[in-house]
All heavy atoms as atom14 arrays in JSON, in Angstrom:
{
  "sequence": "TDSAGSLNVSVYNGATISGGVLNTYDGTSVATGPYASDDL",
  "atom14_mask": [
    [1, 1, 1, 1, 1, 1, 1, 0, 0, 0, 0, 0, 0, 0],
    [1, 1, 1, 1, 1, 1, 1, 1, 0, 0, 0, 0, 0, 0],
    [1, 1, 1, 1, 1, 1, 0, 0, 0, 0, 0, 0, 0, 0],
    [1, 1, 1, 1, 1, 0, 0, 0, 0, 0, 0, 0, 0, 0],
    [1, 1, 1, 1, 0, 0, 0, 0, 0, 0, 0, 0, 0, 0],
    [1, 1, 1, 1, 1, 1, 0, 0, 0, 0, 0, 0, 0, 0],
    [1, 1, 1, 1, 1, 1, 1, 1, 0, 0, 0, 0, 0, 0],
    [1, 1, 1, 1, 1, 1, 1, 1, 0, 0, 0, 0, 0, 0],
    [1, 1, 1, 1, 1, 1, 1, 0, 0, 0, 0, 0, 0, 0],
    [1, 1, 1, 1, 1, 1, 0, 0, 0, 0, 0, 0, 0, 0],
    [1, 1, 1, 1, 1, 1, 1, 0, 0, 0, 0, 0, 0, 0],
    [1, 1, 1, 1, 1, 1, 1, 1, 1, 1, 1, 1, 0, 0],
    [1, 1, 1, 1, 1, 1, 1, 1, 0, 0, 0, 0, 0, 0],
    [1, 1, 1, 1, 0, 0, 0, 0, 0, 0, 0, 0, 0, 0],
    [1, 1, 1, 1, 1, 0, 0, 0, 0, 0, 0, 0, 0, 0],
    [1, 1, 1, 1, 1, 1, 1, 0, 0, 0, 0, 0, 0, 0],
    [1, 1, 1, 1, 1, 1, 1, 1, 0, 0, 0, 0, 0, 0],
    [1, 1, 1, 1, 1, 1, 0, 0, 0, 0, 0, 0, 0, 0],
    [1, 1, 1, 1, 0, 0, 0, 0, 0, 0, 0, 0, 0, 0],
    [1, 1, 1, 1, 0, 0, 0, 0, 0, 0, 0, 0, 0, 0],
    [1, 1, 1, 1, 1, 1, 1, 0, 0, 0, 0, 0, 0, 0],
    [1, 1, 1, 1, 1, 1, 1, 1, 0, 0, 0, 0, 0, 0],
    [1, 1, 1, 1, 1, 1, 1, 1, 0, 0, 0, 0, 0, 0],
    [1, 1, 1, 1, 1, 1, 1, 0, 0, 0, 0, 0, 0, 0],
    [1, 1, 1, 1, 1, 1, 1, 1, 1, 1, 1, 1, 0, 0],
    [1, 1, 1, 1, 1, 1, 1, 1, 0, 0, 0, 0, 0, 0],
    [1, 1, 1, 1, 0, 0, 0, 0, 0, 0, 0, 0, 0, 0],
    [1, 1, 1, 1, 1, 1, 1, 0, 0, 0, 0, 0, 0, 0],
    [1, 1, 1, 1, 1, 1, 0, 0, 0, 0, 0, 0, 0, 0],
    [1, 1, 1, 1, 1, 1, 1, 0, 0, 0, 0, 0, 0, 0],
    [1, 1, 1, 1, 1, 0, 0, 0, 0, 0, 0, 0, 0, 0],
    [1, 1, 1, 1, 1, 1, 1, 0, 0, 0, 0, 0, 0, 0],
    [1, 1, 1, 1, 0, 0, 0, 0, 0, 0, 0, 0, 0, 0],
    [1, 1, 1, 1, 1, 1, 1, 0, 0, 0, 0, 0, 0, 0],
    [1, 1, 1, 1, 1, 1, 1, 1, 1, 1, 1, 1, 0, 0],
    [1, 1, 1, 1, 1, 0, 0, 0, 0, 0, 0, 0, 0, 0],
    [1, 1, 1, 1, 1, 1, 0, 0, 0, 0, 0, 0, 0, 0],
    [1, 1, 1, 1, 1, 1, 1, 1, 0, 0, 0, 0, 0, 0],
    [1, 1, 1, 1, 1, 1, 1, 1, 0, 0, 0, 0, 0, 0],
    [1, 1, 1, 1, 1, 1, 1, 1, 0, 0, 0, 0, 0, 0]
  ],
  "atom14_positions": [
    [[15.07, -19.42, 2.93], [14.62, -20.53, 3.64], [15.39, -20.72, 4.91], [16.68, -20.58, 4.94], [14.77, -21.78, 2.78], [13.93, -21.7, 1.57], [14.42, -23.05, 3.46], [0.0, 0.0, 0.0], [0.0, 0.0, 0.0], [0.0, 0.0, 0.0], [0.0, 0.0, 0.0], [0.0, 0.0, 0.0], [0.0, 0.0, 0.0], [0.0, 0.0, 0.0]],
    [[14.71, -21.09, 6.02], [15.35, -21.4, 7.27], [15.72, -22.9, 7.2], [14.86, -23.76, 7.24], [14.36, -21.09, 8.4], [14.94, -21.49, 9.75], [16.03, -21.95, 9.81], [14.2, -21.21, 10.76], [0.0, 0.0, 0.0], [0.0, 0.0, 0.0], [0.0, 0.0, 0.0], [0.0, 0.0, 0.0], [0.0, 0.0, 0.0], [0.0, 0.0, 0.0]],
    [[17.03, -23.19, 7.07], [17.4, -24.55, 6.94], [17.3, -25.37, 8.23], [17.4, -26.59, 8.21], [18.9, -24.61, 6.45], [19.04, -23.94, 5.27], [0.0, 0.0, 0.0], [0.0, 0.0, 0.0], [0.0, 0.0, 0.0], [0.0, 0.0, 0.0], [0.0, 0.0, 0.0], [0.0, 0.0, 0.0], [0.0, 0.0, 0.0], [0.0, 0.0, 0.0]],
    [[17.07, -24.7, 9.39], [16.97, -25.49, 10.63], [15.58, -25.49, 11.3], [15.34, -26.22, 12.22], [18.01, -24.9, 11.65], [0.0, 0.0, 0.0], [0.0, 0.0, 0.0], [0.0, 0.0, 0.0], [0.0, 0.0, 0.0], [0.0, 0.0, 0.0], [0.0, 0.0, 0.0], [0.0, 0.0, 0.0], [0.0, 0.0, 0.0], [0.0, 0.0, 0.0]],
    [[14.75, -24.54, 10.78], [13.43, -24.33, 11.42], [12.39, -23.93, 10.43], [12.49, -24.16, 9.2], [0.0, 0.0, 0.0], [0.0, 0.0, 0.0], [0.0, 0.0, 0.0], [0.0, 0.0, 0.0], [0.0, 0.0, 0.0], [0.0, 0.0, 0.0], [0.0, 0.0, 0.0], [0.0, 0.0, 0.0], [0.0, 0.0, 0.0], [0.0, 0.0, 0.0]],
    [[11.35, -23.2, 10.93], [10.33, -22.81, 10.08], [10.21, -21.23, 10.0], [9.21, -20.71, 9.49], [9.05, -23.38, 10.6], [8.74, -22.94, 11.93], [0.0, 0.0, 0.0], [0.0, 0.0, 0.0], [0.0, 0.0, 0.0], [0.0, 0.0, 0.0], [0.0, 0.0, 0.0], [0.0, 0.0, 0.0], [0.0, 0.0, 0.0], [0.0, 0.0, 0.0]],
    [[11.24, -20.51, 10.39], [11.25, -19.11, 10.43], [11.81, -18.52, 9.08], [12.95, -18.01, 9.05], [11.96, -18.5, 11.65], [11.94, -17.04, 11.88], [10.5, -16.46, 11.97], [12.7, -16.64, 13.07], [0.0, 0.0, 0.0], [0.0, 0.0, 0.0], [0.0, 0.0, 0.0], [0.0, 0.0, 0.0], [0.0, 0.0, 0.0], [0.0, 0.0, 0.0]],
    [[11.12, -18.79, 8.04], [11.58, -18.34, 6.7], [11.48, -16.84, 6.56], [10.59, -16.23, 7.16], [10.82, -18.99, 5.58], [10.89, -20.52, 5.64], [11.98, -21.06, 5.87], [9.8, -21.2, 5.43], [0.0, 0.0, 0.0], [0.0, 0.0, 0.0], [0.0, 0.0, 0.0], [0.0, 0.0, 0.0], [0.0, 0.0, 0.0], [0.0, 0.0, 0.0]],
    [[12.36, -16.23, 5.79], [12.34, -14.73, 5.63], [12.15, -14.44, 4.17], [12.6, -15.2, 3.3], [13.63, -14.06, 6.19], [13.61, -14.33, 7.74], [14.85, -14.58, 5.52], [0.0, 0.0, 0.0], [0.0, 0.0, 0.0], [0.0, 0.0, 0.0], [0.0, 0.0, 0.0], [0.0, 0.0, 0.0], [0.0, 0.0, 0.0], [0.0, 0.0, 0.0]],
    [[11.57, -13.29, 3.9], [11.47, -12.74, 2.55], [12.16, -11.42, 2.47], [12.38, -10.76, 3.56], [9.99, -12.6, 2.14], [9.38, -13.86, 2.22], [0.0, 0.0, 0.0], [0.0, 0.0, 0.0], [0.0, 0.0, 0.0], [0.0, 0.0, 0.0], [0.0, 0.0, 0.0], [0.0, 0.0, 0.0], [0.0, 0.0, 0.0], [0.0, 0.0, 0.0]],
    [[12.36, -10.88, 1.33], [13.07, -9.58, 1.16], [12.06, -8.47, 0.94], [10.99, -8.64, 0.3], [14.07, -9.62, 0.0], [15.22, -10.57, 0.34], [13.49, -10.01, -1.28], [0.0, 0.0, 0.0], [0.0, 0.0, 0.0], [0.0, 0.0, 0.0], [0.0, 0.0, 0.0], [0.0, 0.0, 0.0], [0.0, 0.0, 0.0], [0.0, 0.0, 0.0]],
    [[12.45, -7.26, 1.48], [11.53, -6.11, 1.32], [12.34, -4.89, 1.04], [13.6, -4.8, 1.3], [10.83, -5.9, 2.66], [9.84, -7.0, 3.09], [10.3, -8.1, 3.77], [8.56, -7.01, 2.55], [9.48, -9.15, 4.07], [7.76, -8.07, 2.84], [8.19, -9.14, 3.66], [7.35, -10.21, 3.97], [0.0, 0.0, 0.0], [0.0, 0.0, 0.0]],
    [[11.71, -3.83, 0.54], [12.27, -2.53, 0.32], [13.54, -2.51, -0.46], [14.44, -1.66, -0.22], [12.52, -1.81, 1.7], [11.27, -1.45, 2.41], [10.22, -1.64, 1.89], [11.4, -0.98, 3.66], [0.0, 0.0, 0.0], [0.0, 0.0, 0.0], [0.0, 0.0, 0.0], [0.0, 0.0, 0.0], [0.0, 0.0, 0.0], [0.0, 0.0, 0.0]],
    [[13.58, -3.37, -1.47], [14.73, -3.4, -2.4], [15.82, -4.31, -2.07], [16.85, -4.39, -2.82], [0.0, 0.0, 0.0], [0.0, 0.0, 0.0], [0.0, 0.0, 0.0], [0.0, 0.0, 0.0], [0.0, 0.0, 0.0], [0.0, 0.0, 0.0], [0.0, 0.0, 0.0], [0.0, 0.0, 0.0], [0.0, 0.0, 0.0], [0.0, 0.0, 0.0]],
    [[15.74, -5.11, -0.96], [16.74, -6.06, -0.65], [16.6, -7.21, -1.69], [15.57, -7.37, -2.34], [16.5, -6.64, 0.74], [0.0, 0.0, 0.0], [0.0, 0.0, 0.0], [0.0, 0.0, 0.0], [0.0, 0.0, 0.0], [0.0, 0.0, 0.0], [0.0, 0.0, 0.0], [0.0, 0.0, 0.0], [0.0, 0.0, 0.0], [0.0, 0.0, 0.0]],
    [[17.73, -7.86, -1.93], [17.73, -9.0, -2.92], [18.54, -10.16, -2.34], [19.44, -10.0, -1.46], [18.44, -8.54, -4.24], [19.81, -8.13, -4.0], [17.63, -7.44, -4.89], [0.0, 0.0, 0.0], [0.0, 0.0, 0.0], [0.0, 0.0, 0.0], [0.0, 0.0, 0.0], [0.0, 0.0, 0.0], [0.0, 0.0, 0.0], [0.0, 0.0, 0.0]],
    [[18.21, -11.36, -2.88], [18.97, -12.53, -2.57], [19.52, -13.03, -3.94], [18.69, -13.5, -4.74], [18.19, -13.55, -1.79], [17.77, -13.12, -0.52], [18.99, -14.88, -1.71], [16.85, -14.0, 0.24], [0.0, 0.0, 0.0], [0.0, 0.0, 0.0], [0.0, 0.0, 0.0], [0.0, 0.0, 0.0], [0.0, 0.0, 0.0], [0.0, 0.0, 0.0]],
    [[20.81, -12.96, -4.15], [21.39, -13.4, -5.44], [22.82, -13.71, -5.16], [23.46, -13.13, -4.36], [21.18, -12.36, -6.62], [21.89, -11.18, -6.16], [0.0, 0.0, 0.0], [0.0, 0.0, 0.0], [0.0, 0.0, 0.0], [0.0, 0.0, 0.0], [0.0, 0.0, 0.0], [0.0, 0.0, 0.0], [0.0, 0.0, 0.0], [0.0, 0.0, 0.0]],
    [[23.45, -14.63, -6.07], [24.77, -14.97, -5.86], [25.11, -15.63, -4.54], [26.19, -15.66, -4.1], [0.0, 0.0, 0.0], [0.0, 0.0, 0.0], [0.0, 0.0, 0.0], [0.0, 0.0, 0.0], [0.0, 0.0, 0.0], [0.0, 0.0, 0.0], [0.0, 0.0, 0.0], [0.0, 0.0, 0.0], [0.0, 0.0, 0.0], [0.0, 0.0, 0.0]],
    [[24.02, -16.14, -3.8], [24.27, -16.83, -2.59], [24.36, -15.92, -1.4], [24.77, -16.38, -0.3], [0.0, 0.0, 0.0], [0.0, 0.0, 0.0], [0.0, 0.0, 0.0], [0.0, 0.0, 0.0], [0.0, 0.0, 0.0], [0.0, 0.0, 0.0], [0.0, 0.0, 0.0], [0.0, 0.0, 0.0], [0.0, 0.0, 0.0], [0.0, 0.0, 0.0]],
    [[24.01, -14.68, -1.53], [24.06, -13.76, -0.41], [22.84, -12.84, -0.41], [22.15, -12.62, -1.33], [25.34, -12.83, -0.48], [26.58, -13.65, -0.37], [25.29, -12.03, -1.8], [0.0, 0.0, 0.0], [0.0, 0.0, 0.0], [0.0, 0.0, 0.0], [0.0, 0.0, 0.0], [0.0, 0.0, 0.0], [0.0, 0.0, 0.0], [0.0, 0.0, 0.0]],
    [[22.58, -12.23, 0.87], [21.58, -11.25, 1.03], [22.1, -9.88, 0.86], [23.21, -9.6, 1.49], [20.91, -11.37, 2.41], [19.98, -10.23, 2.85], [18.72, -10.19, 2.04], [19.67, -10.39, 4.34], [0.0, 0.0, 0.0], [0.0, 0.0, 0.0], [0.0, 0.0, 0.0], [0.0, 0.0, 0.0], [0.0, 0.0, 0.0], [0.0, 0.0, 0.0]],
    [[21.62, -9.09, 0.01], [22.13, -7.71, -0.28], [21.1, -6.71, 0.29], [19.98, -6.59, -0.18], [22.23, -7.44, -1.79], [22.97, -6.19, -2.09], [22.98, -5.25, -1.3], [23.54, -6.07, -3.34], [0.0, 0.0, 0.0], [0.0, 0.0, 0.0], [0.0, 0.0, 0.0], [0.0, 0.0, 0.0], [0.0, 0.0, 0.0], [0.0, 0.0, 0.0]],
    [[21.59, -5.98, 1.34], [20.69, -4.94, 1.91], [21.35, -3.52, 1.78], [21.09, -2.68, 2.55], [20.43, -5.23, 3.42], [21.74, -5.4, 4.07], [19.59, -6.41, 3.61], [0.0, 0.0, 0.0], [0.0, 0.0, 0.0], [0.0, 0.0, 0.0], [0.0, 0.0, 0.0], [0.0, 0.0, 0.0], [0.0, 0.0, 0.0], [0.0, 0.0, 0.0]],
    [[22.13, -3.41, 0.75], [22.82, -2.13, 0.51], [21.87, -1.23, -0.27], [21.24, -1.7, -1.25], [24.07, -2.38, -0.26], [24.83, -1.09, -0.59], [25.7, -0.54, 0.25], [24.61, -0.48, -1.83], [26.41, 0.61, -0.02], [25.27, 0.75, -2.17], [26.24, 1.26, -1.21], [26.89, 2.46, -1.53], [0.0, 0.0, 0.0], [0.0, 0.0, 0.0]],
    [[21.71, 0.03, 0.07], [21.07, 0.97, -0.71], [21.82, 2.32, -0.91], [21.53, 3.08, -1.85], [19.59, 1.21, -0.27], [19.59, 1.96, 1.12], [20.64, 2.19, 1.68], [18.47, 2.28, 1.46], [0.0, 0.0, 0.0], [0.0, 0.0, 0.0], [0.0, 0.0, 0.0], [0.0, 0.0, 0.0], [0.0, 0.0, 0.0], [0.0, 0.0, 0.0]],
    [[22.75, 2.52, -0.01], [23.59, 3.76, -0.18], [22.92, 5.05, -0.08], [23.38, 6.15, -0.46], [0.0, 0.0, 0.0], [0.0, 0.0, 0.0], [0.0, 0.0, 0.0], [0.0, 0.0, 0.0], [0.0, 0.0, 0.0], [0.0, 0.0, 0.0], [0.0, 0.0, 0.0], [0.0, 0.0, 0.0], [0.0, 0.0, 0.0], [0.0, 0.0, 0.0]],
    [[21.75, 5.07, 0.63], [20.98, 6.29, 0.76], [20.57, 6.42, 2.24], [20.71, 5.45, 3.03], [19.7, 6.33, -0.1], [18.7, 5.49, 0.5], [19.99, 5.93, -1.52], [0.0, 0.0, 0.0], [0.0, 0.0, 0.0], [0.0, 0.0, 0.0], [0.0, 0.0, 0.0], [0.0, 0.0, 0.0], [0.0, 0.0, 0.0], [0.0, 0.0, 0.0]],
    [[20.14, 7.65, 2.59], [19.65, 7.84, 4.02], [18.11, 7.79, 4.05], [17.56, 8.27, 5.07], [20.09, 9.26, 4.41], [19.7, 10.25, 3.53], [0.0, 0.0, 0.0], [0.0, 0.0, 0.0], [0.0, 0.0, 0.0], [0.0, 0.0, 0.0], [0.0, 0.0, 0.0], [0.0, 0.0, 0.0], [0.0, 0.0, 0.0], [0.0, 0.0, 0.0]],
    [[17.5, 7.21, 3.07], [16.06, 7.11, 3.06], [15.68, 6.16, 4.26], [16.34, 5.17, 4.6], [15.52, 6.43, 1.75], [14.1, 6.14, 1.79], [15.9, 7.39, 0.59], [0.0, 0.0, 0.0], [0.0, 0.0, 0.0], [0.0, 0.0, 0.0], [0.0, 0.0, 0.0], [0.0, 0.0, 0.0], [0.0, 0.0, 0.0], [0.0, 0.0, 0.0]],
    [[14.52, 6.56, 4.95], [14.18, 5.9, 6.16], [13.65, 4.5, 6.08], [13.65, 3.8, 7.06], [13.08, 6.75, 6.87], [0.0, 0.0, 0.0], [0.0, 0.0, 0.0], [0.0, 0.0, 0.0], [0.0, 0.0, 0.0], [0.0, 0.0, 0.0], [0.0, 0.0, 0.0], [0.0, 0.0, 0.0], [0.0, 0.0, 0.0], [0.0, 0.0, 0.0]],
    [[13.3, 4.04, 4.88], [12.84, 2.67, 4.72], [13.82, 1.92, 3.91], [13.62, 1.69, 2.72], [11.4, 2.6, 4.04], [11.48, 3.4, 2.87], [10.38, 3.29, 4.97], [0.0, 0.0, 0.0], [0.0, 0.0, 0.0], [0.0, 0.0, 0.0], [0.0, 0.0, 0.0], [0.0, 0.0, 0.0], [0.0, 0.0, 0.0], [0.0, 0.0, 0.0]],
    [[14.86, 1.39, 4.5], [15.87, 0.59, 3.85], [15.56, -0.85, 3.61], [14.57, -1.37, 4.15], [0.0, 0.0, 0.0], [0.0, 0.0, 0.0], [0.0, 0.0, 0.0], [0.0, 0.0, 0.0], [0.0, 0.0, 0.0], [0.0, 0.0, 0.0], [0.0, 0.0, 0.0], [0.0, 0.0, 0.0], [0.0, 0.0, 0.0], [0.0, 0.0, 0.0]],
    [[16.37, -1.58, 2.89], [16.17, -3.0, 2.59], [16.36, -3.87, 3.8], [17.06, -3.53, 4.7], [17.24, -3.32, 1.59], [17.77, -1.96, 1.15], [17.57, -1.04, 2.24], [0.0, 0.0, 0.0], [0.0, 0.0, 0.0], [0.0, 0.0, 0.0], [0.0, 0.0, 0.0], [0.0, 0.0, 0.0], [0.0, 0.0, 0.0], [0.0, 0.0, 0.0]],
    [[15.67, -5.04, 3.8], [15.83, -5.97, 4.88], [15.27, -7.32, 4.52], [14.51, -7.44, 3.45], [15.19, -5.49, 6.14], [13.67, -5.24, 6.11], [12.8, -6.25, 6.39], [13.13, -4.04, 5.74], [11.38, -6.0, 6.32], [11.8, -3.75, 5.65], [10.94, -4.79, 5.92], [9.64, -4.56, 5.93], [0.0, 0.0, 0.0], [0.0, 0.0, 0.0]],
    [[15.53, -8.37, 5.26], [14.88, -9.73, 5.16], [14.22, -10.01, 6.47], [14.8, -9.86, 7.51], [15.99, -10.76, 4.74], [0.0, 0.0, 0.0], [0.0, 0.0, 0.0], [0.0, 0.0, 0.0], [0.0, 0.0, 0.0], [0.0, 0.0, 0.0], [0.0, 0.0, 0.0], [0.0, 0.0, 0.0], [0.0, 0.0, 0.0], [0.0, 0.0, 0.0]],
    [[12.92, -10.45, 6.34], [12.18, -10.75, 7.61], [10.98, -11.62, 7.28], [10.49, -11.67, 6.14], [11.77, -9.42, 8.21], [10.9, -9.6, 9.29], [0.0, 0.0, 0.0], [0.0, 0.0, 0.0], [0.0, 0.0, 0.0], [0.0, 0.0, 0.0], [0.0, 0.0, 0.0], [0.0, 0.0, 0.0], [0.0, 0.0, 0.0], [0.0, 0.0, 0.0]],
    [[10.43, -12.28, 8.27], [9.1, -12.76, 8.32], [8.28, -11.63, 8.68], [7.82, -11.47, 9.92], [8.96, -13.95, 9.28], [7.49, -14.44, 9.28], [6.67, -13.93, 8.56], [7.19, -15.26, 10.13], [0.0, 0.0, 0.0], [0.0, 0.0, 0.0], [0.0, 0.0, 0.0], [0.0, 0.0, 0.0], [0.0, 0.0, 0.0], [0.0, 0.0, 0.0]],
    [[7.95, -10.71, 7.76], [7.28, -9.5, 8.05], [5.83, -9.52, 8.43], [5.24, -8.55, 8.87], [7.44, -8.53, 6.79], [7.42, -7.05, 7.17], [7.64, -6.78, 8.36], [7.22, -6.26, 6.3], [0.0, 0.0, 0.0], [0.0, 0.0, 0.0], [0.0, 0.0, 0.0], [0.0, 0.0, 0.0], [0.0, 0.0, 0.0], [0.0, 0.0, 0.0]],
    [[5.26, -10.71, 8.34], [3.82, -10.93, 8.54], [3.54, -11.33, 10.04], [2.45, -11.14, 10.5], [3.18, -11.92, 7.64], [3.38, -11.65, 6.18], [2.76, -12.76, 5.34], [2.68, -10.36, 5.73], [0.0, 0.0, 0.0], [0.0, 0.0, 0.0], [0.0, 0.0, 0.0], [0.0, 0.0, 0.0], [0.0, 0.0, 0.0], [0.0, 0.0, 0.0]]
  ]
}
């Protein structure tokens, strides 16, 4: 959730939001890594 506006983001490609943080770690060189975005 965007606490100041309306640009909310969702997680993709294995990213997670837990424990109060965004986790975009995957430890691989695969070309489609995790991220958070308004992907639409």
